[in-house]
C-alpha atoms as a PDB file:
ATOM      1  CA  MET A   1     -40.209 -15.560  -4.788  1.00  0.00           C
ATOM      2  CA  ARG A   2     -41.967 -13.305  -7.480  1.00  0.00           C
ATOM      3  CA  PHE A   3     -41.961 -14.729 -11.629  1.00  0.00           C
ATOM      4  CA  VAL A   4     -41.825 -12.937 -14.371  1.00  0.00           C
ATOM      5  CA  LYS A   5     -42.357 -13.706 -18.361  1.00  0.00           C
ATOM      6  CA  ARG A   6     -39.144 -13.402 -19.845  1.00  0.00           C
ATOM      7  CA  CYS A   7     -38.287 -14.787 -23.830  1.00  0.00           C
ATOM      8  CA  GLY A   8     -41.985 -16.575 -23.244  1.00  0.00           C
ATOM      9  CA  SER A   9     -40.403 -18.267 -19.816  1.00  0.00           C
ATOM     10  CA  ALA A  10     -41.447 -17.788 -16.180  1.00  0.00           C
ATOM     11  CA  VAL A  11     -38.245 -16.943 -14.367  1.00  0.00           C
ATOM     12  CA  PRO A  12     -37.629 -16.745 -10.910  1.00  0.00           C
ATOM     13  CA  VAL A  13     -36.671 -13.146  -9.625  1.00  0.00           C
ATOM     14  CA  LYS A  14     -35.333 -12.778  -6.054  1.00  0.00           C
ATOM     15  CA  SER A  15     -37.032 -10.184  -3.719  1.00  0.00           C
ATOM     16  CA  GLU A  16     -35.274  -6.515  -3.197  1.00  0.00           C
ATOM     17  CA  ALA A  17     -34.613  -8.178   0.152  1.00  0.00           C
ATOM     18  CA  ILE A  18     -32.770 -11.271  -0.908  1.00  0.00           C
ATOM     19  CA  MET A  19     -31.108  -8.841  -3.580  1.00  0.00           C
ATOM     20  CA  PHE A  20     -29.225  -7.103  -1.232  1.00  0.00           C
ATOM     21  CA  ASP A  21     -28.372  -9.960   1.405  1.00  0.00           C
ATOM     22  CA  PHE A  22     -24.917 -10.734   2.094  1.00  0.00           C
ATOM     23  CA  LYS A  23     -25.372 -12.919   4.928  1.00  0.00           C
ATOM     24  CA  GLY A  24     -22.921 -15.865   4.043  1.00  0.00           C
ATOM     25  CA  LYS A  25     -20.783 -13.843   1.815  1.00  0.00           C
ATOM     26  CA  VAL A  26     -17.423 -13.369   2.564  1.00  0.00           C
ATOM     27  CA  ALA A  27     -16.097  -9.359   1.255  1.00  0.00           C
ATOM     28  CA  VAL A  28     -12.385  -8.510   1.132  1.00  0.00           C
ATOM     29  CA  VAL A  29     -12.021  -4.517   0.891  1.00  0.00           C
ATOM     30  CA  THR A  30      -8.519  -3.536   0.096  1.00  0.00           C
ATOM     31  CA  GLY A  31      -7.185   0.180   1.113  1.00  0.00           C
ATOM     32  CA  SER A  32     -10.472  -0.180   4.451  1.00  0.00           C
ATOM     33  CA  SER A  33      -8.855   1.386   6.978  1.00  0.00           C
ATOM     34  CA  ARG A  34     -10.126   5.230   6.089  1.00  0.00           C
ATOM     35  CA  GLY A  35     -12.256   7.044   3.546  1.00  0.00           C
ATOM     36  CA  ILE A  36     -13.826   5.058   0.672  1.00  0.00           C
ATOM     37  CA  GLY A  37     -12.407   1.872   1.892  1.00  0.00           C
ATOM     38  CA  ARG A  38     -13.549   2.015   4.700  1.00  0.00           C
ATOM     39  CA  ALA A  39     -17.369   2.697   4.445  1.00  0.00           C
ATOM     40  CA  THR A  40     -17.953   0.344   1.946  1.00  0.00           C
ATOM     41  CA  ALA A  41     -15.985  -2.404   4.397  1.00  0.00           C
ATOM     42  CA  GLU A  42     -18.828  -1.272   7.044  1.00  0.00           C
ATOM     43  CA  MET A  43     -21.812  -0.825   4.659  1.00  0.00           C
ATOM     44  CA  PHE A  44     -21.428  -4.553   3.442  1.00  0.00           C
ATOM     45  CA  ALA A  45     -21.319  -5.391   7.093  1.00  0.00           C
ATOM     46  CA  ARG A  46     -24.684  -3.626   7.877  1.00  0.00           C
ATOM     47  CA  PHE A  47     -26.077  -5.899   5.222  1.00  0.00           C
ATOM     48  CA  GLY A  48     -24.946  -8.958   6.473  1.00  0.00           C
ATOM     49  CA  ALA A  49     -20.903  -9.890   5.103  1.00  0.00           C
ATOM     50  CA  ARG A  50     -18.206 -11.250   6.803  1.00  0.00           C
ATOM     51  CA  VAL A  51     -15.808  -8.707   6.228  1.00  0.00           C
ATOM     52  CA  VAL A  52     -11.940  -8.951   5.500  1.00  0.00           C
ATOM     53  CA  VAL A  53     -10.296  -5.637   6.335  1.00  0.00           C
ATOM     54  CA  SER A  54      -6.241  -4.811   4.908  1.00  0.00           C
ATOM     55  CA  SER A  55      -4.636  -2.059   4.935  1.00  0.00           C
ATOM     56  CA  ARG A  56      -0.821  -1.717   5.236  1.00  0.00           C
ATOM     57  CA  THR A  57      -0.584  -1.958   8.892  1.00  0.00           C
ATOM     58  CA  ALA A  58      -2.768  -3.816  11.434  1.00  0.00           C
ATOM     59  CA  GLU A  59      -3.436  -1.046  13.334  1.00  0.00           C
ATOM     60  CA  ALA A  60      -4.752   0.888  10.661  1.00  0.00           C
ATOM     61  CA  CYS A  61      -7.563  -1.573  10.604  1.00  0.00           C
ATOM     62  CA  GLU A  62      -8.004  -2.336  13.600  1.00  0.00           C
ATOM     63  CA  ASP A  63     -10.761   0.584  14.408  1.00  0.00           C
ATOM     64  CA  THR A  64     -12.564  -0.669  11.232  1.00  0.00           C
ATOM     65  CA  ALA A  65     -12.517  -3.674  12.965  1.00  0.00           C
ATOM     66  CA  LYS A  66     -14.010  -2.761  16.132  1.00  0.00           C
ATOM     67  CA  THR A  67     -16.836  -0.585  14.571  1.00  0.00           C
ATOM     68  CA  ILE A  68     -17.930  -3.588  12.615  1.00  0.00           C
ATOM     69  CA  ARG A  69     -17.991  -5.943  15.271  1.00  0.00           C
ATOM     70  CA  ASP A  70     -19.854  -3.165  17.988  1.00  0.00           C
ATOM     71  CA  GLN A  71     -22.690  -3.121  14.953  1.00  0.00           C
ATOM     72  CA  GLY A  72     -22.966  -6.811  15.102  1.00  0.00           C
ATOM     73  CA  GLY A  73     -20.558  -7.799  12.535  1.00  0.00           C
ATOM     74  CA  GLU A  74     -17.929  -9.745  11.674  1.00  0.00           C
ATOM     75  CA  ALA A  75     -14.543  -8.160  10.555  1.00  0.00           C
ATOM     76  CA  LEU A  76     -11.264  -9.786  10.105  1.00  0.00           C
ATOM     77  CA  VAL A  77      -7.915  -7.724  10.153  1.00  0.00           C
ATOM     78  CA  ILE A  78      -5.264  -8.859   7.418  1.00  0.00           C
ATOM     79  CA  PRO A  79      -2.927  -6.387   6.887  1.00  0.00           C
ATOM     80  CA  CYS A  80      -1.713  -5.975   2.939  1.00  0.00           C
ATOM     81  CA  HIS A  81       0.977  -3.765   1.073  1.00  0.00           C
ATOM     82  CA  ILE A  82      -1.356  -3.977  -2.384  1.00  0.00           C
ATOM     83  CA  GLY A  83       2.567  -3.198  -3.882  1.00  0.00           C
ATOM     84  CA  LYS A  84       4.119  -6.469  -2.452  1.00  0.00           C
ATOM     85  CA  LYS A  85       2.886  -9.963  -4.234  1.00  0.00           C
ATOM     86  CA  GLU A  86       3.654 -12.099  -1.245  1.00  0.00           C
ATOM     87  CA  ASP A  87       1.200  -9.895   0.784  1.00  0.00           C
ATOM     88  CA  LEU A  88      -1.345 -10.050  -1.787  1.00  0.00           C
ATOM     89  CA  GLN A  89      -1.109 -13.572  -1.459  1.00  0.00           C
ATOM     90  CA  ARG A  90      -1.282 -13.836   2.229  1.00  0.00           C
ATOM     91  CA  LEU A  91      -3.961 -12.122   2.435  1.00  0.00           C
ATOM     92  CA  VAL A  92      -6.129 -14.247  -0.109  1.00  0.00           C
ATOM     93  CA  ASP A  93      -4.324 -17.613   1.951  1.00  0.00           C
ATOM     94  CA  LYS A  94      -5.411 -16.024   5.702  1.00  0.00           C
ATOM     95  CA  THR A  95      -9.089 -15.163   4.725  1.00  0.00           C
ATOM     96  CA  MET A  96      -9.103 -18.804   2.584  1.00  0.00           C
ATOM     97  CA  SER A  97      -8.059 -20.537   5.902  1.00  0.00           C
ATOM     98  CA  ALA A  98     -10.359 -18.684   8.009  1.00  0.00           C
ATOM     99  CA  TRP A  99     -13.079 -18.351   6.279  1.00  0.00           C
ATOM    100  CA  GLY A 100     -12.962 -20.478   2.946  1.00  0.00           C
ATOM    101  CA  ARG A 101     -14.375 -18.272   0.167  1.00  0.00           C
ATOM    102  CA  ILE A 102     -14.359 -15.003  -1.224  1.00  0.00           C
ATOM    103  CA  ASP A 103     -17.260 -13.944  -2.747  1.00  0.00           C
ATOM    104  CA  SER A 104     -16.225 -10.160  -3.210  1.00  0.00           C
ATOM    105  CA  LEU A 105     -13.653  -8.893  -3.902  1.00  0.00           C
ATOM    106  CA  ILE A 106     -13.071  -4.613  -3.949  1.00  0.00           C
ATOM    107  CA  CYS A 107     -10.021  -3.410  -4.579  1.00  0.00           C
ATOM    108  CA  ASN A 108      -9.886   0.449  -3.730  1.00  0.00           C
ATOM    109  CA  ALA A 109      -6.530   0.713  -2.047  1.00  0.00           C
ATOM    110  CA  ALA A 110      -4.572   2.821  -4.082  1.00  0.00           C
ATOM    111  CA  ILE A 111      -1.341   5.505  -4.190  1.00  0.00           C
ATOM    112  CA  ASN A 112      -0.801   8.899  -6.190  1.00  0.00           C
ATOM    113  CA  PRO A 113       2.372  10.386  -4.574  1.00  0.00           C
ATOM    114  CA  VAL A 114       2.891  12.747  -6.538  1.00  0.00           C
ATOM    115  CA  TYR A 115       0.927  16.170  -7.513  1.00  0.00           C
ATOM    116  CA  GLY A 116       1.456  18.567 -10.134  1.00  0.00           C
ATOM    117  CA  PRO A 117       2.401  18.306 -13.862  1.00  0.00           C
ATOM    118  CA  MET A 118       3.118  14.789 -15.807  1.00  0.00           C
ATOM    119  CA  SER A 119       6.133  16.830 -17.187  1.00  0.00           C
ATOM    120  CA  ASP A 120       7.854  17.160 -13.680  1.00  0.00           C
ATOM    121  CA  LEU A 121       6.905  13.528 -13.217  1.00  0.00           C
ATOM    122  CA  THR A 122       9.840  11.127 -12.784  1.00  0.00           C
ATOM    123  CA  ASP A 123      10.617   7.357 -14.048  1.00  0.00           C
ATOM    124  CA  ASP A 124      10.069   5.945 -10.512  1.00  0.00           C
ATOM    125  CA  ALA A 125       7.407   7.523  -9.916  1.00  0.00           C
ATOM    126  CA  PHE A 126       5.247   6.772 -12.878  1.00  0.00           C
ATOM    127  CA  ASP A 127       6.347   3.226 -12.730  1.00  0.00           C
ATOM    128  CA  LYS A 128       5.362   3.287  -9.070  1.00  0.00           C
ATOM    129  CA  ILE A 129       2.180   4.474  -9.377  1.00  0.00           C
ATOM    130  CA  MET A 130       1.035   1.896 -12.219  1.00  0.00           C
ATOM    131  CA  SER A 131       2.905  -0.977 -10.690  1.00  0.00           C
ATOM    132  CA  THR A 132       0.588  -0.501  -7.361  1.00  0.00           C
ATOM    133  CA  ASN A 133      -2.591   0.780  -8.916  1.00  0.00           C
ATOM    134  CA  VAL A 134      -2.325  -1.415 -11.845  1.00  0.00           C
ATOM    135  CA  ARG A 135      -0.099  -4.825 -11.951  1.00  0.00           C
ATOM    136  CA  SER A 136      -1.433  -5.178  -8.296  1.00  0.00           C
ATOM    137  CA  THR A 137      -4.729  -5.377  -9.095  1.00  0.00           C
ATOM    138  CA  LEU A 138      -4.375  -7.925 -11.871  1.00  0.00           C
ATOM    139  CA  GLN A 139      -1.917  -9.799  -9.453  1.00  0.00           C
ATOM    140  CA  LEU A 140      -5.187 -10.258  -6.562  1.00  0.00           C
ATOM    141  CA  CYS A 141      -7.551 -10.563  -8.991  1.00  0.00           C
ATOM    142  CA  ASN A 142      -5.666 -13.707 -10.796  1.00  0.00           C
ATOM    143  CA  MET A 143      -5.461 -15.124  -7.317  1.00  0.00           C
ATOM    144  CA  VAL A 144      -8.894 -14.675  -6.455  1.00  0.00           C
ATOM    145  CA  LEU A 145     -10.719 -14.940  -9.766  1.00  0.00           C
ATOM    146  CA  PRO A 146     -10.043 -19.465  -9.726  1.00  0.00           C
ATOM    147  CA  GLY A 147     -11.281 -19.873  -6.650  1.00  0.00           C
ATOM    148  CA  MET A 148     -14.485 -18.189  -7.294  1.00  0.00           C
ATOM    149  CA  ALA A 149     -15.004 -19.801 -10.530  1.00  0.00           C
ATOM    150  CA  GLU A 150     -14.997 -23.110  -8.441  1.00  0.00           C
ATOM    151  CA  ARG A 151     -17.413 -21.899  -5.879  1.00  0.00           C
ATOM    152  CA  GLY A 152     -19.538 -20.959  -9.029  1.00  0.00           C
ATOM    153  CA  GLY A 153     -18.863 -17.196  -9.425  1.00  0.00           C
ATOM    154  CA  GLY A 154     -18.778 -13.809  -7.507  1.00  0.00           C
ATOM    155  CA  THR A 155     -18.482 -10.113  -7.980  1.00  0.00           C
ATOM    156  CA  VAL A 156     -15.437  -8.117  -8.362  1.00  0.00           C
ATOM    157  CA  VAL A 157     -15.064  -3.848  -8.004  1.00  0.00           C
ATOM    158  CA  ILE A 158     -12.243  -2.295  -9.061  1.00  0.00           C
ATOM    159  CA  LEU A 159     -12.148   1.240  -7.912  1.00  0.00           C
ATOM    160  CA  SER A 160     -11.236   3.699 -10.784  1.00  0.00           C
ATOM    161  CA  SER A 161     -11.929   7.077 -10.923  1.00  0.00           C
ATOM    162  CA  ILE A 162     -13.066   9.659 -13.331  1.00  0.00           C
ATOM    163  CA  ALA A 163      -9.417  11.128 -13.252  1.00  0.00           C
ATOM    164  CA  GLY A 164      -9.422   8.047 -15.895  1.00  0.00           C
ATOM    165  CA  ILE A 165     -12.389   9.248 -17.831  1.00  0.00           C
ATOM    166  CA  ARG A 166     -11.178  13.208 -18.640  1.00  0.00           C
ATOM    167  CA  GLY A 167      -7.694  15.426 -18.649  1.00  0.00           C
ATOM    168  CA  ASN A 168      -6.476  16.651 -15.562  1.00  0.00           C
ATOM    169  CA  THR A 169      -3.352  18.889 -14.741  1.00  0.00           C
ATOM    170  CA  VAL A 170      -2.306  17.978 -11.341  1.00  0.00           C
ATOM    171  CA  ILE A 171      -2.775  14.061 -11.552  1.00  0.00           C
ATOM    172  CA  GLY A 172      -2.207  13.132 -14.278  1.00  0.00           C
ATOM    173  CA  ALA A 173      -0.308   9.862 -13.877  1.00  0.00           C
ATOM    174  CA  TYR A 174      -2.836   8.594 -11.769  1.00  0.00           C
ATOM    175  CA  GLY A 175      -5.517   9.013 -14.062  1.00  0.00           C
ATOM    176  CA  ILE A 176      -3.181   6.931 -16.499  1.00  0.00           C
ATOM    177  CA  SER A 177      -3.781   4.359 -13.864  1.00  0.00           C
ATOM    178  CA  LYS A 178      -7.242   4.155 -12.909  1.00  0.00           C
ATOM    179  CA  ALA A 179      -7.694   4.299 -17.024  1.00  0.00           C
ATOM    180  CA  ALA A 180      -5.619   1.172 -17.162  1.00  0.00           C
ATOM    181  CA  GLU A 181      -7.840  -0.210 -13.911  1.00  0.00           C
ATOM    182  CA  ALA A 182     -11.237   1.025 -16.169  1.00  0.00           C
ATOM    183  CA  ALA A 183      -9.994  -1.138 -18.916  1.00  0.00           C
ATOM    184  CA  LEU A 184      -8.772  -4.097 -17.025  1.00  0.00           C
ATOM    185  CA  ALA A 185     -11.765  -5.160 -15.522  1.00  0.00           C
ATOM    186  CA  ARG A 186     -13.659  -5.098 -19.017  1.00  0.00           C
ATOM    187  CA  ASN A 187     -11.414  -7.907 -20.104  1.00  0.00           C
ATOM    188  CA  LEU A 188     -11.811  -9.279 -16.962  1.00  0.00           C
ATOM    189  CA  ALA A 189     -15.267  -9.324 -17.602  1.00  0.00           C
ATOM    190  CA  VAL A 190     -14.874 -10.862 -20.559  1.00  0.00           C
ATOM    191  CA  GLU A 191     -13.093 -13.693 -19.713  1.00  0.00           C
ATOM    192  CA  TRP A 192     -14.554 -14.971 -16.192  1.00  0.00           C
ATOM    193  CA  GLY A 193     -18.011 -14.183 -17.189  1.00  0.00           C
ATOM    194  CA  PRO A 194     -18.544 -17.734 -18.384  1.00  0.00           C
ATOM    195  CA  HIS A 195     -17.561 -18.207 -14.981  1.00  0.00           C
ATOM    196  CA  HIS A 196     -20.639 -16.464 -13.467  1.00  0.00           C
ATOM    197  CA  ILE A 197     -17.793 -13.836 -12.074  1.00  0.00           C
ATOM    198  CA  ARG A 198     -18.812 -10.098 -12.304  1.00  0.00           C
ATOM    199  CA  VAL A 199     -16.239  -7.379 -12.740  1.00  0.00           C
ATOM    200  CA  ASN A 200     -16.696  -3.641 -13.040  1.00  0.00           C
ATOM    201  CA  ALA A 201     -15.335  -0.998 -12.374  1.00  0.00           C
ATOM    202  CA  LEU A 202     -16.648   1.955 -10.202  1.00  0.00           C
ATOM    203  CA  ALA A 203     -15.068   5.654 -10.701  1.00  0.00           C
ATOM    204  CA  PRO A 204     -15.979   8.168  -8.171  1.00  0.00           C
ATOM    205  CA  GLY A 205     -15.773  12.224  -8.968  1.00  0.00           C
ATOM    206  CA  LEU A 206     -14.481  14.475  -5.874  1.00  0.00           C
ATOM    207  CA  VAL A 207     -15.105  12.751  -2.965  1.00  0.00           C
ATOM    208  CA  LYS A 208     -13.931  13.992   0.781  1.00  0.00           C
ATOM    209  CA  THR A 209     -11.259  11.885   1.936  1.00  0.00           C
ATOM    210  CA  ASP A 210      -7.886  11.973   3.029  1.00  0.00           C
ATOM    211  CA  PHE A 211      -6.663  10.733  -0.276  1.00  0.00           C
ATOM    212  CA  ALA A 212      -8.141  13.354  -2.035  1.00  0.00           C
ATOM    213  CA  ARG A 213      -7.142  16.254   0.830  1.00  0.00           C
ATOM    214  CA  ALA A 214      -5.335  18.560  -1.336  1.00  0.00           C
ATOM    215  CA  LEU A 215      -8.028  18.652  -4.234  1.00  0.00           C
ATOM    216  CA  TRP A 216     -11.165  19.737  -1.823  1.00  0.00           C
ATOM    217  CA  GLU A 217      -8.574  21.729   0.584  1.00  0.00           C
ATOM    218  CA  ASP A 218      -8.133  23.830  -2.545  1.00  0.00           C
ATOM    219  CA  PRO A 219     -10.806  26.921  -2.042  1.00  0.00           C
ATOM    220  CA  GLU A 220     -10.771  27.443  -5.222  1.00  0.00           C
ATOM    221  CA  ARG A 221     -10.600  23.821  -6.874  1.00  0.00           C
ATOM    222  CA  LEU A 222     -13.593  23.034  -4.470  1.00  0.00           C
ATOM    223  CA  GLU A 223     -15.747  25.914  -5.167  1.00  0.00           C
ATOM    224  CA  ARG A 224     -15.218  24.849  -9.327  1.00  0.00           C
ATOM    225  CA  ALA A 225     -16.089  21.598  -8.523  1.00  0.00           C
ATOM    226  CA  GLU A 226     -19.071  22.587  -6.539  1.00  0.00           C
ATOM    227  CA  LYS A 227     -20.208  24.846  -9.432  1.00  0.00           C
ATOM    228  CA  GLN A 228     -19.743  22.396 -12.168  1.00  0.00           C
ATOM    229  CA  THR A 229     -21.530  19.290 -10.509  1.00  0.00           C
ATOM    230  CA  PRO A 230     -25.539  19.479 -10.881  1.00  0.00           C
ATOM    231  CA  LEU A 231     -25.601  18.193  -7.047  1.00  0.00           C
ATOM    232  CA  ARG A 232     -23.935  20.822  -6.317  1.00  0.00           C
ATOM    233  CA  ARG A 233     -21.368  19.159  -3.672  1.00  0.00           C
ATOM    234  CA  ILE A 234     -18.578  16.925  -3.898  1.00  0.00           C
ATOM    235  CA  GLY A 235     -18.700  13.308  -2.901  1.00  0.00           C
ATOM    236  CA  VAL A 236     -19.201  11.446   0.948  1.00  0.00           C
ATOM    237  CA  PRO A 237     -17.461   8.015   1.306  1.00  0.00           C
ATOM    238  CA  ASP A 238     -21.182   6.515   1.565  1.00  0.00           C
ATOM    239  CA  ASP A 239     -21.781   8.112  -1.845  1.00  0.00           C
ATOM    240  CA  ILE A 240     -19.453   5.303  -3.704  1.00  0.00           C
ATOM    241  CA  ALA A 241     -19.801   2.812  -0.868  1.00  0.00           C
ATOM    242  CA  GLY A 242     -23.546   2.442  -1.617  1.00  0.00           C
ATOM    243  CA  THR A 243     -23.102   2.037  -5.545  1.00  0.00           C
ATOM    244  CA  ALA A 244     -20.244  -0.433  -4.665  1.00  0.00           C
ATOM    245  CA  LEU A 245     -22.554  -2.362  -2.561  1.00  0.00           C
ATOM    246  CA  PHE A 246     -25.172  -2.252  -5.643  1.00  0.00           C
ATOM    247  CA  LEU A 247     -22.274  -4.002  -7.967  1.00  0.00           C
ATOM    248  CA  ALA A 248     -21.594  -6.546  -5.417  1.00  0.00           C
ATOM    249  CA  SER A 249     -25.206  -7.328  -5.235  1.00  0.00           C
ATOM    250  CA  ASP A 250     -27.963  -9.642  -6.392  1.00  0.00           C
ATOM    251  CA  ALA A 251     -29.456  -6.243  -7.891  1.00  0.00           C
ATOM    252  CA  SER A 252     -26.876  -5.660 -10.653  1.00  0.00           C
ATOM    253  CA  ALA A 253     -26.710  -9.340 -11.567  1.00  0.00           C
ATOM    254  CA  TYR A 254     -26.831  -8.144 -15.032  1.00  0.00           C
ATOM    255  CA  ILE A 255     -24.064  -5.301 -15.360  1.00  0.00           C
ATOM    256  CA  THR A 256     -20.382  -6.547 -15.870  1.00  0.00           C
ATOM    257  CA  GLY A 257     -17.313  -4.621 -17.474  1.00  0.00           C
ATOM    258  CA  GLN A 258     -19.024  -0.942 -16.921  1.00  0.00           C
ATOM    259  CA  THR A 259     -17.241   2.003 -15.838  1.00  0.00           C
ATOM    260  CA  ILE A 260     -19.751   3.320 -13.410  1.00  0.00           C
ATOM    261  CA  VAL A 261     -19.624   6.853 -12.528  1.00  0.00           C
ATOM    262  CA  ALA A 262     -20.707   8.247  -9.320  1.00  0.00           C
ATOM    263  CA  ASP A 263     -19.637  12.015  -9.281  1.00  0.00           C
ATOM    264  CA  GLY A 264     -22.830  13.888  -9.063  1.00  0.00           C
ATOM    265  CA  GLY A 265     -23.219  14.680 -12.662  1.00  0.00           C
ATOM    266  CA  GLU A 266     -19.951  16.022 -12.858  1.00  0.00           C
ATOM    267  CA  THR A 267     -18.373  14.782 -15.723  1.00  0.00           C
ATOM    268  CA  ILE A 268     -21.817  15.359 -17.894  1.00  0.00           C
ATOM    269  CA  SER A 269     -22.061  19.269 -16.909  1.00  0.00           C
END
């Protein structure tokens, strides 16, 4: 243990290894059968966490869980349709029954059923996007955070998007929902900070996943994205998983209520 002087007092500082040590901790990752969610689940497991792998069907999650177990980690599969409140409650209840705690909640699952201008957006589609992406995240947090507070704290990472920061001609409603999730993170951070719970939003840029396939499979859009991104590439799932791990770790112990952008510099170029 190292000590540093802060405000005239010697404060203990955890070593770098301990800062990223998730041994004994439980992480719940929604939408973790593929893409960013899968990469996040696998990365948390590599750093010692027991991971709840969750998606709509158990079958979709088994490959992620198998990979974690084959690498010596612990994984529990709990299917959950995030748009159904009873499924969210079952996700929490089964996690608590099996492992007795939730230390990190990563709200990754989301939908975007439309691709095109908002002038073509139906009321039903808008309601579905907002209820699934925003309301379900609030509901899940309200189910998990009281238990975190009782155990002395925890962390929440809500997957937002740079679509919630700037305008877009084809995924506007999705962007609105992601802006709302970033606002949700700020408000939860204020409410739950006194209970030692940190809540942050993570806003990826274009990442090569099935979810964003319509964007990166468009040659013109992909070329434009690569040219305007300082790193001259789009992201891969591990880029975002690593940032999520940081936000859930003790390395970010003084960060809460923020929207951390991981986009290769796209939004600043």
